[in-house]
Full PDB file with SEQRES, HELIX, SHEET, SSBOND, CRYST1, ORIGX, SCALE, CONECT and MASTER records, all heavy atoms in Angstrom:
SEQRES   1 A   33  GLU GLY PRO HIS LYS ASP THR GLN ASP LEU TRP VAL PRO          
SEQRES   2 A   33  VAL PHE ARG TRP PHE ASN ARG PHE LEU LYS ASN ASP GLU          
SEQRES   3 A   33  GLY THR ILE ASP LYS VAL ALA                                  
HELIX    1 AA1 GLN A    8  LEU A   22  1                                  15    
CRYST1    1.000    1.000    1.000  90.00  90.00  90.00 P 1           1          
ORIGX1      1.000000  0.000000  0.000000        0.00000                         
ORIGX2      0.000000  1.000000  0.000000        0.00000                         
ORIGX3      0.000000  0.000000  1.000000        0.00000                         
SCALE1      1.000000  0.000000  0.000000        0.00000                         
SCALE2      0.000000  1.000000  0.000000        0.00000                         
SCALE3      0.000000  0.000000  1.000000        0.00000                         
ATOM      1  N   GLU A   1     101.512  89.316 121.609  1.00  0.00           N  
ATOM      2  CA  GLU A   1     101.097  88.195 122.447  1.00  0.00           C  
ATOM      3  C   GLU A   1     101.759  88.302 123.810  1.00  0.00           C  
ATOM      4  O   GLU A   1     102.937  88.646 123.917  1.00  0.00           O  
ATOM      5  CB  GLU A   1     101.499  86.874 121.777  1.00  0.00           C  
ATOM      6  CG  GLU A   1     100.962  85.630 122.473  1.00  0.00           C  
ATOM      7  CD  GLU A   1     101.783  85.222 123.695  1.00  0.00           C  
ATOM      8  OE1 GLU A   1     103.013  85.423 123.692  1.00  0.00           O  
ATOM      9  OE2 GLU A   1     101.179  84.709 124.669  1.00  0.00           O  
ATOM     10  N   GLY A   2     100.987  88.016 124.864  1.00  0.00           N  
ATOM     11  CA  GLY A   2     101.601  87.978 126.176  1.00  0.00           C  
ATOM     12  C   GLY A   2     100.740  88.571 127.265  1.00  0.00           C  
ATOM     13  O   GLY A   2      99.681  89.159 127.015  1.00  0.00           O  
ATOM     14  N   PRO A   3     101.197  88.471 128.518  1.00  0.00           N  
ATOM     15  CA  PRO A   3     100.486  89.016 129.664  1.00  0.00           C  
ATOM     16  C   PRO A   3     100.873  90.467 129.919  1.00  0.00           C  
ATOM     17  O   PRO A   3     101.499  91.109 129.066  1.00  0.00           O  
ATOM     18  CB  PRO A   3     100.959  88.108 130.811  1.00  0.00           C  
ATOM     19  CG  PRO A   3     102.383  87.802 130.432  1.00  0.00           C  
ATOM     20  CD  PRO A   3     102.400  87.720 128.923  1.00  0.00           C  
ATOM     21  N   HIS A   4     100.540  90.962 131.088  1.00  0.00           N  
ATOM     22  CA  HIS A   4     100.939  92.309 131.497  1.00  0.00           C  
ATOM     23  C   HIS A   4     102.400  92.248 131.928  1.00  0.00           C  
ATOM     24  O   HIS A   4     102.725  92.036 133.093  1.00  0.00           O  
ATOM     25  CB  HIS A   4     100.051  92.789 132.652  1.00  0.00           C  
ATOM     26  CG  HIS A   4     100.326  94.212 133.058  1.00  0.00           C  
ATOM     27  ND1 HIS A   4      99.974  95.286 132.278  1.00  0.00           N  
ATOM     28  CD2 HIS A   4     100.933  94.727 134.159  1.00  0.00           C  
ATOM     29  CE1 HIS A   4     100.350  96.403 132.878  1.00  0.00           C  
ATOM     30  NE2 HIS A   4     100.940  96.092 134.019  1.00  0.00           N  
ATOM     31  N   LYS A   5     103.292  92.428 130.957  1.00  0.00           N  
ATOM     32  CA  LYS A   5     104.712  92.221 131.201  1.00  0.00           C  
ATOM     33  C   LYS A   5     105.520  93.052 130.213  1.00  0.00           C  
ATOM     34  O   LYS A   5     105.089  93.302 129.080  1.00  0.00           O  
ATOM     35  CB  LYS A   5     105.049  90.731 131.045  1.00  0.00           C  
ATOM     36  CG  LYS A   5     106.451  90.344 131.460  1.00  0.00           C  
ATOM     37  CD  LYS A   5     106.644  88.834 131.342  1.00  0.00           C  
ATOM     38  CE  LYS A   5     108.044  88.416 131.756  1.00  0.00           C  
ATOM     39  NZ  LYS A   5     108.231  86.941 131.626  1.00  0.00           N  
ATOM     40  N   ASP A   6     106.702  93.466 130.645  1.00  0.00           N  
ATOM     41  CA  ASP A   6     107.614  94.244 129.800  1.00  0.00           C  
ATOM     42  C   ASP A   6     108.373  93.279 128.889  1.00  0.00           C  
ATOM     43  O   ASP A   6     109.389  92.717 129.277  1.00  0.00           O  
ATOM     44  CB  ASP A   6     108.577  95.014 130.710  1.00  0.00           C  
ATOM     45  CG  ASP A   6     109.439  96.011 129.954  1.00  0.00           C  
ATOM     46  OD1 ASP A   6     108.994  96.512 128.914  1.00  0.00           O  
ATOM     47  OD2 ASP A   6     110.556  96.295 130.435  1.00  0.00           O  
ATOM     48  N   THR A   7     107.887  93.086 127.671  1.00  0.00           N  
ATOM     49  CA  THR A   7     108.458  92.071 126.785  1.00  0.00           C  
ATOM     50  C   THR A   7     109.188  92.701 125.605  1.00  0.00           C  
ATOM     51  O   THR A   7     108.910  93.830 125.197  1.00  0.00           O  
ATOM     52  CB  THR A   7     107.357  91.154 126.223  1.00  0.00           C  
ATOM     53  OG1 THR A   7     106.503  91.924 125.362  1.00  0.00           O  
ATOM     54  CG2 THR A   7     106.534  90.533 127.344  1.00  0.00           C  
ATOM     55  N   GLN A   8     110.092  91.934 125.030  1.00  0.00           N  
ATOM     56  CA  GLN A   8     110.822  92.403 123.856  1.00  0.00           C  
ATOM     57  C   GLN A   8     109.893  92.617 122.676  1.00  0.00           C  
ATOM     58  O   GLN A   8     110.123  93.507 121.842  1.00  0.00           O  
ATOM     59  CB  GLN A   8     111.928  91.408 123.502  1.00  0.00           C  
ATOM     60  CG  GLN A   8     112.872  91.914 122.418  1.00  0.00           C  
ATOM     61  CD  GLN A   8     114.030  90.975 122.173  1.00  0.00           C  
ATOM     62  OE1 GLN A   8     113.884  89.769 122.295  1.00  0.00           O  
ATOM     63  NE2 GLN A   8     115.187  91.529 121.834  1.00  0.00           N  
ATOM     64  N   ASP A   9     108.816  91.824 122.604  1.00  0.00           N  
ATOM     65  CA  ASP A   9     107.856  92.004 121.515  1.00  0.00           C  
ATOM     66  C   ASP A   9     107.246  93.404 121.534  1.00  0.00           C  
ATOM     67  O   ASP A   9     106.875  93.941 120.483  1.00  0.00           O  
ATOM     68  CB  ASP A   9     106.736  90.966 121.633  1.00  0.00           C  
ATOM     69  CG  ASP A   9     107.212  89.565 121.308  1.00  0.00           C  
ATOM     70  OD1 ASP A   9     108.292  89.437 120.707  1.00  0.00           O  
ATOM     71  OD2 ASP A   9     106.515  88.594 121.675  1.00  0.00           O  
ATOM     72  N   LEU A  10     107.126  93.992 122.718  1.00  0.00           N  
ATOM     73  CA  LEU A  10     106.627  95.365 122.827  1.00  0.00           C  
ATOM     74  C   LEU A  10     107.730  96.395 122.586  1.00  0.00           C  
ATOM     75  O   LEU A  10     107.480  97.446 121.996  1.00  0.00           O  
ATOM     76  CB  LEU A  10     106.004  95.593 124.218  1.00  0.00           C  
ATOM     77  CG  LEU A  10     104.639  94.956 124.472  1.00  0.00           C  
ATOM     78  CD1 LEU A  10     104.305  94.992 125.959  1.00  0.00           C  
ATOM     79  CD2 LEU A  10     103.542  95.668 123.683  1.00  0.00           C  
ATOM     80  N   TRP A  11     108.943  96.093 123.071  1.00  0.00           N  
ATOM     81  CA  TRP A  11     110.009  97.089 122.948  1.00  0.00           C  
ATOM     82  C   TRP A  11     110.326  97.439 121.507  1.00  0.00           C  
ATOM     83  O   TRP A  11     110.428  98.617 121.147  1.00  0.00           O  
ATOM     84  CB  TRP A  11     111.323  96.582 123.558  1.00  0.00           C  
ATOM     85  CG  TRP A  11     111.267  96.050 124.927  1.00  0.00           C  
ATOM     86  CD1 TRP A  11     110.317  96.283 125.885  1.00  0.00           C  
ATOM     87  CD2 TRP A  11     112.224  95.156 125.511  1.00  0.00           C  
ATOM     88  NE1 TRP A  11     110.617  95.602 127.027  1.00  0.00           N  
ATOM     89  CE2 TRP A  11     111.778  94.901 126.831  1.00  0.00           C  
ATOM     90  CE3 TRP A  11     113.397  94.561 125.051  1.00  0.00           C  
ATOM     91  CZ2 TRP A  11     112.484  94.070 127.694  1.00  0.00           C  
ATOM     92  CZ3 TRP A  11     114.094  93.742 125.909  1.00  0.00           C  
ATOM     93  CH2 TRP A  11     113.647  93.494 127.219  1.00  0.00           C  
ATOM     94  N   VAL A  12     110.510  96.408 120.674  1.00  0.00           N  
ATOM     95  CA  VAL A  12     111.075  96.633 119.338  1.00  0.00           C  
ATOM     96  C   VAL A  12     110.193  97.553 118.488  1.00  0.00           C  
ATOM     97  O   VAL A  12     110.696  98.505 117.871  1.00  0.00           O  
ATOM     98  CB  VAL A  12     111.364  95.293 118.626  1.00  0.00           C  
ATOM     99  CG1 VAL A  12     111.783  95.531 117.189  1.00  0.00           C  
ATOM    100  CG2 VAL A  12     112.456  94.519 119.385  1.00  0.00           C  
ATOM    101  N   PRO A  13     108.872  97.337 118.424  1.00  0.00           N  
ATOM    102  CA  PRO A  13     108.060  98.281 117.634  1.00  0.00           C  
ATOM    103  C   PRO A  13     108.065  99.699 118.198  1.00  0.00           C  
ATOM    104  O   PRO A  13     107.959 100.666 117.436  1.00  0.00           O  
ATOM    105  CB  PRO A  13     106.656  97.663 117.694  1.00  0.00           C  
ATOM    106  CG  PRO A  13     106.879  96.218 117.990  1.00  0.00           C  
ATOM    107  CD  PRO A  13     108.064  96.183 118.889  1.00  0.00           C  
ATOM    108  N   VAL A  14     108.189  99.821 119.521  1.00  0.00           N  
ATOM    109  CA  VAL A  14     108.284 101.154 120.116  1.00  0.00           C  
ATOM    110  C   VAL A  14     109.574 101.837 119.668  1.00  0.00           C  
ATOM    111  O   VAL A  14     109.569 103.016 119.279  1.00  0.00           O  
ATOM    112  CB  VAL A  14     108.202 101.069 121.654  1.00  0.00           C  
ATOM    113  CG1 VAL A  14     108.579 102.399 122.300  1.00  0.00           C  
ATOM    114  CG2 VAL A  14     106.798 100.658 122.091  1.00  0.00           C  
ATOM    115  N   PHE A  15     110.679 101.097 119.702  1.00  0.00           N  
ATOM    116  CA  PHE A  15     111.944 101.663 119.221  1.00  0.00           C  
ATOM    117  C   PHE A  15     111.820 102.091 117.764  1.00  0.00           C  
ATOM    118  O   PHE A  15     112.285 103.169 117.369  1.00  0.00           O  
ATOM    119  CB  PHE A  15     113.074 100.628 119.347  1.00  0.00           C  
ATOM    120  CG  PHE A  15     113.404 100.231 120.758  1.00  0.00           C  
ATOM    121  CD1 PHE A  15     113.984  98.994 121.021  1.00  0.00           C  
ATOM    122  CD2 PHE A  15     113.136 101.070 121.823  1.00  0.00           C  
ATOM    123  CE1 PHE A  15     114.296  98.616 122.319  1.00  0.00           C  
ATOM    124  CE2 PHE A  15     113.444 100.701 123.130  1.00  0.00           C  
ATOM    125  CZ  PHE A  15     114.031  99.473 123.374  1.00  0.00           C  
ATOM    126  N   ARG A  16     111.186 101.269 116.950  1.00  0.00           N  
ATOM    127  CA  ARG A  16     111.040 101.591 115.526  1.00  0.00           C  
ATOM    128  C   ARG A  16     110.154 102.836 115.330  1.00  0.00           C  
ATOM    129  O   ARG A  16     110.400 103.645 114.433  1.00  0.00           O  
ATOM    130  CB  ARG A  16     110.442 100.408 114.768  1.00  0.00           C  
ATOM    131  CG  ARG A  16     111.373  99.198 114.676  1.00  0.00           C  
ATOM    132  CD  ARG A  16     110.822  98.158 113.720  1.00  0.00           C  
ATOM    133  NE  ARG A  16     110.814  98.669 112.350  1.00  0.00           N  
ATOM    134  CZ  ARG A  16     109.845  98.420 111.467  1.00  0.00           C  
ATOM    135  NH1 ARG A  16     108.808  97.675 111.806  1.00  0.00           N  
ATOM    136  NH2 ARG A  16     109.927  98.896 110.244  1.00  0.00           N  
ATOM    137  N   TRP A  17     109.116 102.976 116.159  1.00  0.00           N  
ATOM    138  CA  TRP A  17     108.224 104.134 116.052  1.00  0.00           C  
ATOM    139  C   TRP A  17     108.990 105.432 116.314  1.00  0.00           C  
ATOM    140  O   TRP A  17     108.865 106.406 115.572  1.00  0.00           O  
ATOM    141  CB  TRP A  17     107.072 103.973 117.037  1.00  0.00           C  
ATOM    142  CG  TRP A  17     105.969 104.978 116.913  1.00  0.00           C  
ATOM    143  CD1 TRP A  17     105.794 106.113 117.648  1.00  0.00           C  
ATOM    144  CD2 TRP A  17     104.860 104.945 115.995  1.00  0.00           C  
ATOM    145  NE1 TRP A  17     104.656 106.786 117.269  1.00  0.00           N  
ATOM    146  CE2 TRP A  17     104.062 106.081 116.253  1.00  0.00           C  
ATOM    147  CE3 TRP A  17     104.470 104.063 114.997  1.00  0.00           C  
ATOM    148  CZ2 TRP A  17     102.892 106.349 115.541  1.00  0.00           C  
ATOM    149  CZ3 TRP A  17     103.305 104.332 114.285  1.00  0.00           C  
ATOM    150  CH2 TRP A  17     102.538 105.464 114.557  1.00  0.00           C  
ATOM    151  N   PHE A  18     109.817 105.420 117.356  1.00  0.00           N  
ATOM    152  CA  PHE A  18     110.615 106.612 117.637  1.00  0.00           C  
ATOM    153  C   PHE A  18     111.627 106.871 116.525  1.00  0.00           C  
ATOM    154  O   PHE A  18     111.824 108.028 116.112  1.00  0.00           O  
ATOM    155  CB  PHE A  18     111.330 106.475 118.983  1.00  0.00           C  
ATOM    156  CG  PHE A  18     110.430 106.694 120.165  1.00  0.00           C  
ATOM    157  CD1 PHE A  18     110.305 105.726 121.146  1.00  0.00           C  
ATOM    158  CD2 PHE A  18     109.704 107.869 120.303  1.00  0.00           C  
ATOM    159  CE1 PHE A  18     109.470 105.932 122.247  1.00  0.00           C  
ATOM    160  CE2 PHE A  18     108.872 108.078 121.398  1.00  0.00           C  
ATOM    161  CZ  PHE A  18     108.759 107.107 122.366  1.00  0.00           C  
ATOM    162  N   ASN A  19     112.286 105.837 116.041  1.00  0.00           N  
ATOM    163  CA  ASN A  19     113.233 106.023 114.934  1.00  0.00           C  
ATOM    164  C   ASN A  19     112.549 106.646 113.716  1.00  0.00           C  
ATOM    165  O   ASN A  19     113.084 107.534 113.049  1.00  0.00           O  
ATOM    166  CB  ASN A  19     113.849 104.685 114.531  1.00  0.00           C  
ATOM    167  CG  ASN A  19     114.996 104.281 115.431  1.00  0.00           C  
ATOM    168  OD1 ASN A  19     115.454 105.057 116.266  1.00  0.00           O  
ATOM    169  ND2 ASN A  19     115.475 103.055 115.264  1.00  0.00           N  
ATOM    170  N   ARG A  20     111.351 106.168 113.445  1.00  0.00           N  
ATOM    171  CA  ARG A  20     110.612 106.639 112.274  1.00  0.00           C  
ATOM    172  C   ARG A  20     110.266 108.120 112.373  1.00  0.00           C  
ATOM    173  O   ARG A  20     110.457 108.876 111.409  1.00  0.00           O  
ATOM    174  CB  ARG A  20     109.338 105.802 112.121  1.00  0.00           C  
ATOM    175  CG  ARG A  20     108.399 106.234 111.015  1.00  0.00           C  
ATOM    176  CD  ARG A  20     107.191 105.312 111.022  1.00  0.00           C  
ATOM    177  NE  ARG A  20     106.102 105.793 110.207  1.00  0.00           N  
ATOM    178  CZ  ARG A  20     104.879 105.265 110.204  1.00  0.00           C  
ATOM    179  NH1 ARG A  20     104.621 104.222 110.981  1.00  0.00           N  
ATOM    180  NH2 ARG A  20     103.941 105.757 109.441  1.00  0.00           N  
ATOM    181  N   PHE A  21     109.771 108.539 113.536  1.00  0.00           N  
ATOM    182  CA  PHE A  21     109.250 109.904 113.635  1.00  0.00           C  
ATOM    183  C   PHE A  21     110.246 110.906 114.220  1.00  0.00           C  
ATOM    184  O   PHE A  21     110.065 112.107 114.037  1.00  0.00           O  
ATOM    185  CB  PHE A  21     107.960 109.904 114.458  1.00  0.00           C  
ATOM    186  CG  PHE A  21     106.775 109.358 113.709  1.00  0.00           C  
ATOM    187  CD1 PHE A  21     106.337 108.067 113.922  1.00  0.00           C  
ATOM    188  CD2 PHE A  21     106.110 110.134 112.774  1.00  0.00           C  
ATOM    189  CE1 PHE A  21     105.253 107.555 113.230  1.00  0.00           C  
ATOM    190  CE2 PHE A  21     105.030 109.636 112.068  1.00  0.00           C  
ATOM    191  CZ  PHE A  21     104.597 108.346 112.293  1.00  0.00           C  
ATOM    192  N   LEU A  22     111.251 110.456 114.930  1.00  0.00           N  
ATOM    193  CA  LEU A  22     112.230 111.384 115.493  1.00  0.00           C  
ATOM    194  C   LEU A  22     113.547 111.399 114.737  1.00  0.00           C  
ATOM    195  O   LEU A  22     114.313 112.361 114.840  1.00  0.00           O  
ATOM    196  CB  LEU A  22     112.499 111.048 116.968  1.00  0.00           C  
ATOM    197  CG  LEU A  22     111.342 111.300 117.947  1.00  0.00           C  
ATOM    198  CD1 LEU A  22     111.738 110.888 119.353  1.00  0.00           C  
ATOM    199  CD2 LEU A  22     110.901 112.770 117.934  1.00  0.00           C  
ATOM    200  N   LYS A  23     113.813 110.330 113.951  1.00  0.00           N  
ATOM    201  CA  LYS A  23     115.094 110.259 113.228  1.00  0.00           C  
ATOM    202  C   LYS A  23     114.914 110.000 111.734  1.00  0.00           C  
ATOM    203  O   LYS A  23     115.907 109.894 111.010  1.00  0.00           O  
ATOM    204  CB  LYS A  23     115.957 109.140 113.830  1.00  0.00           C  
ATOM    205  CG  LYS A  23     116.372 109.400 115.272  1.00  0.00           C  
ATOM    206  CD  LYS A  23     117.100 108.212 115.886  1.00  0.00           C  
ATOM    207  CE  LYS A  23     118.441 107.985 115.277  1.00  0.00           C  
ATOM    208  NZ  LYS A  23     119.165 106.861 115.946  1.00  0.00           N  
ATOM    209  N   ASN A  24     113.656 109.866 111.293  1.00  0.00           N  
ATOM    210  CA  ASN A  24     113.381 109.559 109.887  1.00  0.00           C  
ATOM    211  C   ASN A  24     114.145 108.320 109.443  1.00  0.00           C  
ATOM    212  O   ASN A  24     114.720 108.250 108.351  1.00  0.00           O  
ATOM    213  CB  ASN A  24     113.742 110.757 108.989  1.00  0.00           C  
ATOM    214  CG  ASN A  24     113.151 110.637 107.604  1.00  0.00           C  
ATOM    215  OD1 ASN A  24     112.111 110.003 107.411  1.00  0.00           O  
ATOM    216  ND2 ASN A  24     113.810 111.226 106.620  1.00  0.00           N  
ATOM    217  N   ASP A  25     114.125 107.305 110.295  1.00  0.00           N  
ATOM    218  CA  ASP A  25     114.873 106.069 110.083  1.00  0.00           C  
ATOM    219  C   ASP A  25     113.893 104.903 110.078  1.00  0.00           C  
ATOM    220  O   ASP A  25     113.243 104.620 111.090  1.00  0.00           O  
ATOM    221  CB  ASP A  25     115.909 105.899 111.200  1.00  0.00           C  
ATOM    222  CG  ASP A  25     116.730 104.620 111.076  1.00  0.00           C  
ATOM    223  OD1 ASP A  25     116.482 103.827 110.147  1.00  0.00           O  
ATOM    224  OD2 ASP A  25     117.604 104.411 111.935  1.00  0.00           O  
ATOM    225  N   GLU A  26     113.754 104.234 108.951  1.00  0.00           N  
ATOM    226  CA  GLU A  26     112.826 103.106 108.821  1.00  0.00           C  
ATOM    227  C   GLU A  26     113.551 101.762 108.890  1.00  0.00           C  
ATOM    228  O   GLU A  26     112.983 100.718 108.582  1.00  0.00           O  
ATOM    229  CB  GLU A  26     112.071 103.204 107.487  1.00  0.00           C  
ATOM    230  CG  GLU A  26     111.184 104.433 107.354  1.00  0.00           C  
ATOM    231  CD  GLU A  26     109.793 104.228 107.930  1.00  0.00           C  
ATOM    232  OE1 GLU A  26     109.573 103.190 108.593  1.00  0.00           O  
ATOM    233  OE2 GLU A  26     108.931 105.102 107.699  1.00  0.00           O  
ATOM    234  N   GLY A  27     114.801 101.769 109.293  1.00  0.00           N  
ATOM    235  CA  GLY A  27     115.595 100.548 109.302  1.00  0.00           C  
ATOM    236  C   GLY A  27     115.162  99.560 110.375  1.00  0.00           C  
ATOM    237  O   GLY A  27     114.323  99.846 111.240  1.00  0.00           O  
ATOM    238  N   THR A  28     115.768  98.378 110.317  1.00  0.00           N  
ATOM    239  CA  THR A  28     115.463  97.334 111.290  1.00  0.00           C  
ATOM    240  C   THR A  28     116.223  97.588 112.598  1.00  0.00           C  
ATOM    241  O   THR A  28     117.189  98.355 112.643  1.00  0.00           O  
ATOM    242  CB  THR A  28     115.845  95.949 110.742  1.00  0.00           C  
ATOM    243  OG1 THR A  28     117.240  95.948 110.415  1.00  0.00           O  
ATOM    244  CG2 THR A  28     115.030  95.622 109.507  1.00  0.00           C  
ATOM    245  N   ILE A  29     115.774  96.930 113.643  1.00  0.00           N  
ATOM    246  CA  ILE A  29     116.413  97.036 114.955  1.00  0.00           C  
ATOM    247  C   ILE A  29     117.389  95.875 115.104  1.00  0.00           C  
ATOM    248  O   ILE A  29     116.992  94.699 115.087  1.00  0.00           O  
ATOM    249  CB  ILE A  29     115.372  96.986 116.092  1.00  0.00           C  
ATOM    250  CG1 ILE A  29     114.345  98.110 115.920  1.00  0.00           C  
ATOM    251  CG2 ILE A  29     116.050  97.067 117.449  1.00  0.00           C  
ATOM    252  CD1 ILE A  29     114.905  99.496 115.974  1.00  0.00           C  
ATOM    253  N   ASP A  30     118.668  96.191 115.245  1.00  0.00           N  
ATOM    254  CA  ASP A  30     119.651  95.115 115.307  1.00  0.00           C  
ATOM    255  C   ASP A  30     120.411  95.076 116.632  1.00  0.00           C  
ATOM    256  O   ASP A  30     121.351  94.296 116.791  1.00  0.00           O  
ATOM    257  CB  ASP A  30     120.651  95.221 114.143  1.00  0.00           C  
ATOM    258  CG  ASP A  30     121.350  96.566 114.095  1.00  0.00           C  
ATOM    259  OD1 ASP A  30     121.168  97.375 115.032  1.00  0.00           O  
ATOM    260  OD2 ASP A  30     122.086  96.809 113.122  1.00  0.00           O  
ATOM    261  N   LYS A  31     119.995  95.915 117.585  1.00  0.00           N  
ATOM    262  CA  LYS A  31     120.607  95.884 118.907  1.00  0.00           C  
ATOM    263  C   LYS A  31     119.574  95.458 119.935  1.00  0.00           C  
ATOM    264  O   LYS A  31     118.453  95.959 119.939  1.00  0.00           O  
ATOM    265  CB  LYS A  31     121.176  97.254 119.283  1.00  0.00           C  
ATOM    266  CG  LYS A  31     122.427  97.641 118.509  1.00  0.00           C  
ATOM    267  CD  LYS A  31     123.037  98.922 119.052  1.00  0.00           C  
ATOM    268  CE  LYS A  31     124.321  99.265 118.297  1.00  0.00           C  
ATOM    269  NZ  LYS A  31     124.963 100.499 118.818  1.00  0.00           N  
ATOM    270  N   VAL A  32     119.975  94.555 120.805  1.00  0.00           N  
ATOM    271  CA  VAL A  32     119.071  94.045 121.835  1.00  0.00           C  
ATOM    272  C   VAL A  32     119.119  94.961 123.049  1.00  0.00           C  
ATOM    273  O   VAL A  32     120.184  95.438 123.443  1.00  0.00           O  
ATOM    274  CB  VAL A  32     119.471  92.611 122.238  1.00  0.00           C  
ATOM    275  CG1 VAL A  32     118.588  92.106 123.368  1.00  0.00           C  
ATOM    276  CG2 VAL A  32     119.396  91.685 121.035  1.00  0.00           C  
ATOM    277  N   ALA A  33     117.960  95.221 123.639  1.00  0.00           N  
ATOM    278  CA  ALA A  33     117.909  95.991 124.880  1.00  0.00           C  
ATOM    279  C   ALA A  33     118.101  95.043 126.052  1.00  0.00           C  
ATOM    280  O   ALA A  33     117.317  94.102 126.237  1.00  0.00           O  
ATOM    281  CB  ALA A  33     116.565  96.707 125.000  1.00  0.00           C  
TER     282      ALA A  33                                                      
MASTER        0    0    0    1    0    0    0    6  281    1    0    3          
END                                                                             
């Protein structure tokens, strides 16, 4: 949800995607950017 803006809602799934495919890590994101 949201406008054309750099939001945390977009960041977190992107971080998880990289963790999944580059680090084989499916864990939750517990650090804020």
